[in-house]
Amino acid sequence: MTKVKWGIISTANIGMAKVLPAMLKSKEIEIVAISSRNLKSAKAAAAKLGIAKAYGSYEEMLADPEIECVYNPLPNHLHVPLTLAAAKAGKHVLCEKPIAITAKEAMKLKKAPRKIHISEAFMVRHALQWLDVKRRVDAGEIGEVRAIQALFSYFNTDPKNVRNDAKIGGGGLLDIGCYPITVARFIFAGEPKRVASTIDRDPKFKTDRLVGGLADFGRGRHLSFTISTQLAPFQRVQIMGTKGRIEVQIPFNAPPDAPNKIFVQGMAMNVGEWHQFLVSDQYQLQAEAFGKAVRSGKKLKWGVEDAIKNMKVLDAFFKAGKSGKWEKV
């Protein structure tokens, strides 16, 4: 397939540090432009990454006829407006998670032209380790999966960091709580019926800094998770079945330069085997999969409708945190 030509909206850290270096490794991708609201910043980023064009405004880049796809890693409150602007300019959009701040806002993306592909950037759904976990679960290797447990945390108290700005969608649940929800929906192949949560907010930032969540997926199945923006850095996922369990060692920030691992256990306590996968970059795999969908014209496996479903679950967790009760999704 001919290379898919991309433009990058903003010089956001996640793009510069993780996503763009991954995309630049691909033989199927050509990043032709990067934009910023500051031309100097755009030129510096372009020079650093070897990108040909730099634009001093998003709108100017979206008008570039050479660009087919756009990656949008802007702060959360700008995901929907800039994704819609790109779509209306005829560009397909891979938008960072969460795709919106609320499900109601995400629904605005239905206004995008029908032939435009829009996908939420959950790279985990393309990671080799998660594809193998899904294969094992679907094959019944660990029996019936009834419980998924996740822990994901980091420590960030920088007042200038967008993750600590409640007004623009900062906070733990939108930033990292979306991952346990996504992988549970992926593994269970369904949607939760109701959720409950406890939420502790930072007294200064007003953001949710510690969240405990429980999601009822029906038929005796549930997801339980703890996420935090102010605890020691750690992440792990346990997938519990009636005939065994799978532990995903680094489930979300999988290293792109080392083998990723999962532990598969049978019915003997802590007796099992570690499985490792070829070195790969989940961000590269994600962008390539999006490009293939664009080239083929086929409907995305995870498009706007899926993103809206994920936002509905997040909305329910926020509601449950306020009410102290089970809330329907």
Foldseek 3Di string as FASTA:
>chain_A
DAAAEEEEEAPDPCCLPAQVVLQVVDPRYAHAEYEECQQVVRVVSCVVSVHNYYYNDLLVVLLDPSHAAYEAEDFQQCLLVSCQVSLVSNHAYAYEFLSHLFLVSLVVCVPGDPLHFYFYPQLLVQDPVLVVVLVCLVVCVQHDWAEKEKEFEAEDDDPPDSLLAVVRRHAWCRPPVLNLLVSVCVNVVAAFFKKAKAFDADPVSRHGFWMWMWTHRDPNHIYTYIYGHRDHGDIKMWTHHPFWIKIFHHRGCDDQADWGWMWTGGDPPPDTDIDTDDRHRSSNSSVVVVVVCSVVSDHDPGGSVNSSSSSNVSVRHVVNNVPVDMGGD
